[in-house]
Structure formats: C-alpha cells, structure tokens
Protein backbone atom coordinates (compact mmCIF):
# COMPACT_ATOMS: atom_id res chain seq x y z
CA MET A 1 34.65 -96.56 -77.10
CA GLN A 2 38.06 -95.35 -75.92
CA GLU A 3 37.98 -92.26 -73.73
CA MET A 4 39.87 -89.46 -75.48
CA ILE A 5 39.39 -86.53 -73.07
CA ARG A 6 38.56 -86.61 -69.36
CA VAL A 7 38.07 -83.64 -67.06
CA ASP A 8 38.10 -84.36 -63.31
CA ASN A 9 36.63 -81.91 -60.79
CA LEU A 10 37.94 -78.88 -62.63
CA GLU A 11 37.89 -75.42 -61.07
CA LYS A 12 39.16 -72.11 -62.42
CA ILE A 13 39.48 -68.91 -60.39
CA PHE A 14 40.51 -65.54 -61.79
CA TYR A 15 41.54 -62.52 -59.72
CA SER A 16 40.67 -58.92 -60.57
CA GLN A 17 43.15 -56.06 -60.24
CA SER A 18 41.71 -55.44 -56.78
CA TYR A 19 42.35 -59.15 -55.95
CA MET A 20 38.65 -59.97 -55.94
CA GLU A 21 38.13 -63.69 -56.53
CA ILE A 22 36.07 -64.58 -59.62
CA LYS A 23 35.19 -68.26 -59.88
CA ALA A 24 34.75 -69.05 -63.59
CA LEU A 25 34.36 -72.84 -63.38
CA THR A 26 33.60 -75.26 -60.57
CA GLU A 27 33.06 -79.01 -60.19
CA VAL A 28 33.35 -79.69 -63.93
CA ASN A 29 33.53 -83.41 -64.71
CA LEU A 30 33.46 -84.61 -68.29
CA SER A 31 34.30 -87.70 -70.33
CA VAL A 32 34.58 -87.55 -74.13
CA PRO A 33 35.00 -90.79 -76.13
CA GLY A 34 36.93 -90.95 -79.37
CA ASN A 35 35.21 -89.73 -82.57
CA GLU A 36 32.42 -88.00 -80.65
CA PHE A 37 31.08 -84.62 -81.78
CA LEU A 38 30.42 -82.91 -78.44
CA CYS A 39 28.75 -79.48 -78.31
CA ILE A 40 29.26 -77.31 -75.22
CA LEU A 41 26.29 -74.97 -74.93
CA GLY A 42 25.64 -72.22 -72.43
CA PRO A 43 24.95 -68.52 -71.85
CA SER A 44 27.65 -65.89 -72.30
CA GLY A 45 30.07 -65.80 -69.39
CA CYS A 46 29.47 -69.37 -68.20
CA GLY A 47 33.09 -70.43 -68.80
CA LYS A 48 32.70 -72.38 -72.05
CA SER A 49 35.74 -70.82 -73.70
CA THR A 50 37.77 -71.04 -70.49
CA LEU A 51 37.03 -74.77 -70.29
CA LEU A 52 38.13 -75.25 -73.89
CA ARG A 53 41.34 -73.30 -73.33
CA ILE A 54 42.18 -75.42 -70.27
CA ILE A 55 41.59 -78.61 -72.28
CA ALA A 56 43.85 -77.16 -75.01
CA GLY A 57 46.60 -76.51 -72.46
CA LEU A 58 46.43 -72.75 -73.10
CA GLU A 59 45.07 -71.97 -69.63
CA THR A 60 45.97 -73.42 -66.25
CA ALA A 61 43.28 -74.87 -63.99
CA SER A 62 43.13 -73.68 -60.38
CA SER A 63 42.37 -77.25 -59.30
CA GLY A 64 41.33 -80.51 -60.90
CA LYS A 65 42.91 -82.36 -63.80
CA VAL A 66 42.57 -82.86 -67.56
CA PHE A 67 43.53 -86.16 -69.18
CA TYR A 68 44.23 -86.84 -72.85
CA ASN A 69 44.19 -90.49 -73.87
CA GLY A 70 44.63 -91.53 -70.23
CA GLN A 71 47.60 -89.22 -69.55
CA GLU A 72 47.44 -86.03 -67.51
CA HIS A 73 47.65 -83.07 -69.83
CA THR A 74 48.60 -79.45 -68.97
CA LYS A 75 50.40 -78.01 -72.03
CA PRO A 76 49.58 -77.56 -75.73
CA ARG A 77 50.28 -80.61 -77.87
CA ARG A 78 50.03 -81.44 -81.58
CA GLU A 79 47.41 -84.11 -80.95
CA ILE A 80 44.95 -81.41 -79.83
CA GLY A 81 44.17 -78.71 -82.40
CA MET A 82 42.16 -75.54 -81.85
CA VAL A 83 40.08 -73.31 -84.10
CA PHE A 84 39.20 -69.86 -82.77
CA GLN A 85 36.30 -67.57 -83.66
CA SER A 86 38.70 -64.91 -84.97
CA TYR A 87 40.29 -67.19 -87.65
CA SER A 88 43.85 -66.25 -86.42
CA LEU A 89 45.36 -66.41 -89.90
CA MET A 90 48.72 -64.75 -90.57
CA PRO A 91 47.92 -61.81 -92.89
CA TRP A 92 51.38 -61.82 -94.50
CA LEU A 93 51.17 -65.50 -95.49
CA THR A 94 49.31 -67.00 -98.42
CA VAL A 95 46.45 -69.42 -97.84
CA LEU A 96 48.73 -72.35 -98.61
CA ASP A 97 51.44 -71.15 -96.22
CA ASN A 98 48.85 -70.49 -93.49
CA ILE A 99 47.65 -74.10 -93.75
CA ALA A 100 51.27 -75.33 -93.67
CA LEU A 101 52.28 -73.16 -90.69
CA GLY A 102 51.94 -75.84 -87.98
CA LEU A 103 53.85 -78.30 -90.16
CA GLU A 104 56.70 -75.78 -90.44
CA PHE A 105 56.85 -75.54 -86.63
CA ALA A 106 56.94 -79.36 -86.57
CA GLY A 107 60.12 -79.28 -88.70
CA LEU A 108 58.78 -80.74 -91.96
CA SER A 109 60.59 -79.78 -95.15
CA ARG A 110 58.87 -77.19 -97.35
CA PRO A 111 58.05 -79.65 -100.18
CA LYS A 112 56.47 -82.06 -97.66
CA ARG A 113 54.42 -79.46 -95.81
CA ILE A 114 53.21 -77.81 -99.04
CA SER A 115 52.17 -81.22 -100.34
CA ILE A 116 50.12 -81.85 -97.18
CA ALA A 117 48.68 -78.31 -97.26
CA GLU A 118 47.56 -78.83 -100.86
CA GLU A 119 45.65 -81.95 -99.82
CA TYR A 120 43.71 -79.99 -97.21
CA LEU A 121 43.21 -77.06 -99.56
CA ASP A 122 41.55 -79.52 -101.93
CA MET A 123 39.49 -80.95 -99.07
CA ILE A 124 37.94 -77.54 -98.32
CA GLY A 125 37.31 -76.90 -102.03
CA MET A 126 39.67 -73.93 -102.36
CA ASN A 127 42.32 -75.19 -104.81
CA SER A 128 42.33 -71.94 -106.79
CA PHE A 129 42.97 -69.81 -103.68
CA GLY A 130 46.32 -71.22 -102.56
CA LYS A 131 48.24 -68.06 -103.52
CA ALA A 132 45.61 -65.67 -102.14
CA PHE A 133 46.07 -63.72 -98.90
CA PRO A 134 43.55 -63.75 -96.02
CA TYR A 135 42.27 -60.20 -96.74
CA GLU A 136 41.18 -61.40 -100.19
CA LEU A 137 38.85 -64.02 -98.70
CA SER A 138 35.35 -63.87 -97.26
CA GLY A 139 34.79 -64.70 -93.58
CA GLY A 140 33.53 -68.18 -94.42
CA MET A 141 36.55 -68.89 -96.61
CA GLN A 142 38.94 -67.67 -93.92
CA GLN A 143 37.30 -70.02 -91.42
CA ARG A 144 37.66 -72.92 -93.87
CA VAL A 145 41.38 -72.16 -94.05
CA ALA A 146 41.61 -72.05 -90.24
CA ILE A 147 39.93 -75.47 -90.04
CA ALA A 148 42.22 -76.87 -92.74
CA ARG A 149 45.28 -75.53 -90.87
CA ALA A 150 44.17 -77.29 -87.68
CA LEU A 151 43.46 -80.56 -89.52
CA ALA A 152 46.75 -80.47 -91.46
CA ASN A 153 48.55 -81.19 -88.19
CA ASN A 154 46.51 -84.41 -88.00
CA PRO A 155 45.22 -83.90 -84.43
CA GLU A 156 43.13 -86.57 -82.75
CA VAL A 157 41.05 -83.91 -80.97
CA LEU A 158 39.76 -80.68 -82.52
CA LEU A 159 38.61 -77.90 -80.17
CA MET A 160 36.40 -75.24 -81.75
CA ASP A 161 35.55 -72.04 -79.88
CA GLU A 162 32.41 -70.55 -81.49
CA PRO A 163 34.09 -70.75 -84.91
CA PHE A 164 31.01 -69.62 -86.85
CA GLY A 165 29.84 -66.93 -84.43
CA ALA A 166 30.99 -64.02 -86.60
CA LEU A 167 29.45 -65.34 -89.82
CA ASP A 168 26.13 -64.32 -91.37
CA ALA A 169 23.21 -66.78 -91.03
CA TYR A 170 23.50 -68.32 -94.50
CA THR A 171 27.28 -68.74 -94.41
CA ARG A 172 26.98 -70.23 -90.93
CA ILE A 173 24.62 -72.95 -92.19
CA VAL A 174 26.93 -73.67 -95.13
CA MET A 175 29.90 -73.98 -92.78
CA GLN A 176 27.99 -76.28 -90.43
CA LYS A 177 27.34 -78.65 -93.34
CA GLU A 178 30.97 -78.37 -94.46
CA LEU A 179 32.24 -79.17 -90.95
CA LEU A 180 30.01 -82.26 -90.72
CA ARG A 181 31.30 -83.43 -94.12
CA ILE A 182 34.91 -83.05 -92.92
CA TRP A 183 34.11 -84.76 -89.60
CA GLU A 184 32.45 -87.71 -91.39
CA GLN A 185 35.54 -88.02 -93.59
CA HIS A 186 38.16 -87.81 -90.82
CA LYS A 187 36.22 -88.85 -87.69
CA LYS A 188 38.12 -86.63 -85.29
CA THR A 189 36.95 -86.07 -81.73
CA ILE A 190 35.41 -82.58 -81.74
CA LEU A 191 34.56 -80.33 -78.79
CA PHE A 192 32.54 -77.44 -80.19
CA VAL A 193 31.64 -74.40 -78.06
CA THR A 194 28.51 -72.49 -79.09
CA HIS A 195 25.79 -70.31 -77.62
CA SER A 196 23.38 -71.31 -80.43
CA VAL A 197 20.85 -73.99 -79.49
CA ASP A 198 20.08 -74.68 -83.16
CA GLU A 199 23.77 -75.15 -83.96
CA ALA A 200 24.24 -77.57 -81.06
CA VAL A 201 21.22 -79.69 -82.07
CA TYR A 202 22.29 -79.74 -85.72
CA LEU A 203 25.92 -80.70 -85.10
CA GLY A 204 26.25 -82.66 -81.89
CA ASP A 205 26.21 -86.33 -80.94
CA ARG A 206 25.89 -85.01 -77.41
CA ILE A 207 25.27 -81.62 -75.80
CA ILE A 208 26.75 -80.44 -72.52
CA LEU A 209 24.62 -77.60 -71.16
CA MET A 210 26.46 -75.26 -68.80
CA SER A 211 25.05 -72.84 -66.26
CA GLY A 212 26.86 -69.71 -65.18
CA SER A 213 28.29 -67.94 -62.13
CA PRO A 214 30.32 -70.09 -61.69
CA GLY A 215 30.20 -72.33 -64.74
CA ARG A 216 29.24 -75.94 -64.16
CA ILE A 217 27.60 -78.72 -66.16
CA LYS A 218 23.85 -78.53 -65.72
CA LYS A 219 22.74 -81.22 -68.18
CA ASP A 220 24.31 -83.93 -70.35
CA ILE A 221 22.07 -84.75 -73.33
CA ALA A 222 22.64 -87.49 -75.93
CA ILE A 223 21.09 -86.76 -79.34
CA THR A 224 19.59 -89.84 -80.97
CA MET A 225 18.29 -88.19 -84.15
CA PRO A 226 19.96 -89.67 -87.25
CA ARG A 227 22.09 -87.57 -89.59
CA VAL A 228 21.57 -85.63 -91.80
CA ARG A 229 19.25 -83.73 -89.42
CA GLU A 230 16.27 -81.87 -90.81
CA ARG A 231 15.25 -78.71 -89.01
CA ARG A 232 11.62 -79.37 -89.97
CA ASN A 233 11.69 -82.68 -88.07
CA PRO A 234 9.28 -82.40 -85.07
CA LEU A 235 11.89 -84.06 -82.82
CA TYR A 236 14.38 -81.35 -83.82
CA GLY A 237 11.93 -78.64 -82.81
CA LYS A 238 11.02 -80.40 -79.56
CA LEU A 239 14.65 -80.76 -78.46
CA THR A 240 15.37 -77.14 -79.42
CA GLU A 241 12.46 -75.94 -77.26
CA GLU A 242 13.59 -78.06 -74.31
CA LEU A 243 17.14 -76.71 -74.56
CA LEU A 244 15.94 -73.11 -74.83
CA ALA A 245 13.91 -73.61 -71.64
CA LEU A 246 16.92 -75.10 -69.85
CA LEU A 247 19.11 -72.26 -71.15
CA GLU A 248 16.73 -69.70 -69.67
CA GLU A 249 16.98 -71.46 -66.31
CA ALA A 250 20.78 -71.50 -66.60
C-alpha cells in the first residue's frame, strides 16, 4: 500500500510568556498508508491535536519533517482536509454555501460549486436543509455539514480532531456509523484524534496510543476485528480493557 503520510522524528516546543520551554511532542515517527483509518488516542494534553495541526500544515514543527505522498509538506494544501471539534461553519452562510466554501476559494464558478455541494448534501442525507443556516441545525447535523464541506474539496487525506467530542452519547454513535459509511464509500485516508477508547476501537484500522509530557507514540496497535464491529463481541471488550490499562500507564 502506498504511503500517504509520513512523520519523521517530529518535535514541537512551545514557549510560555516567561520563555519557559514546554515540549509538546518528541521523537514522533509515523507512517500512514493510503485508505487507512488511523485513530490517534491519548490522554488530554499529550499533543494529539498539535500533531494533527502540524500534519495539516497549520502549525510549524520545531524539528523533524512531515511528508505527504513522498513530498515534504509544511503548508496547508487542498489534498489534506481538516474537520474540527467546533464545526467552524460560517453562521451567515446557508448549509449549501458552507459546503461550497472551499470550492469558492479554489475559483470554481458558482453553478459548478453548488452542483458539487448538492452532491455532498445528498450524501449526508440533508437535501431539505440546503437553505438552512447553522443555528437552525442540531450539533450532529452541523458536524455532518462540516464533514461534507471537507469532502467536497476532494482531499486524499482527512484529518479529524475529536469531531464528535461535543455531541451527546447517542448522536456520537450515530455519527460514528455515518462516518464509517462515508469512509467506505470514498475510501479516504483518515487520521482521527480521540480520547475515547471505545471510539478508537469502533472506528480504527489501527490505533496509535500516545503518552504525555512530552507526547510520544507509546504503542502502535493493528485492529484485526472485521467490520461492522459489535460492541458485545468479547474481542471488542478485551481490546478496550487492554487500551484502558495502557492509557492509565500513559
């Protein structure tokens, strides 16, 4: 399988107002093949989101390199999309125009970008909400729109930073199933940050477990359970318990 993302010996250092050095990430090495659903799991403050932002080109590494499709990568690019926890929808734009926003920046004509946006609106099952505004939608619906907006740009890699963290338990499960359906349909490479062990086991082909202070990769775990995964499966419970124990150590 072709390597889509590679991270080589990455380190990130922040400095406080008093110039105290805070090492957020150290010695991070990672290889992500195309079409993989990779979950990045770890305790709060271990640098998961910082790692994702560096891969997205939104943050600069202190040392080390990130490669996309074999080429060194340091700035945002259309081939790498990102979905944030906070939805980041434009409140003054309709759902359809929010989905089409990246296409407008890319210079597509309005008829073309609206046509593409309508396809993705249909994909997320929200055809009747194209003229609605974000405040008229539930949290789960807003996150569907954010995912559709990222996918409308046709990225090869989709980075997701705890996108379901603010949702209630039921909506979160519904959105997990919806995301897997979209991933099966489009087969993008997904890097998905979460602090939920259950979410990582349910979604991932592979789980990267990070430890904190500073953040580094503690464990790389391939998940061999077939999809669709049943939470009542004894193997599911066993892996969840093992990860919880490792998370406590981290």
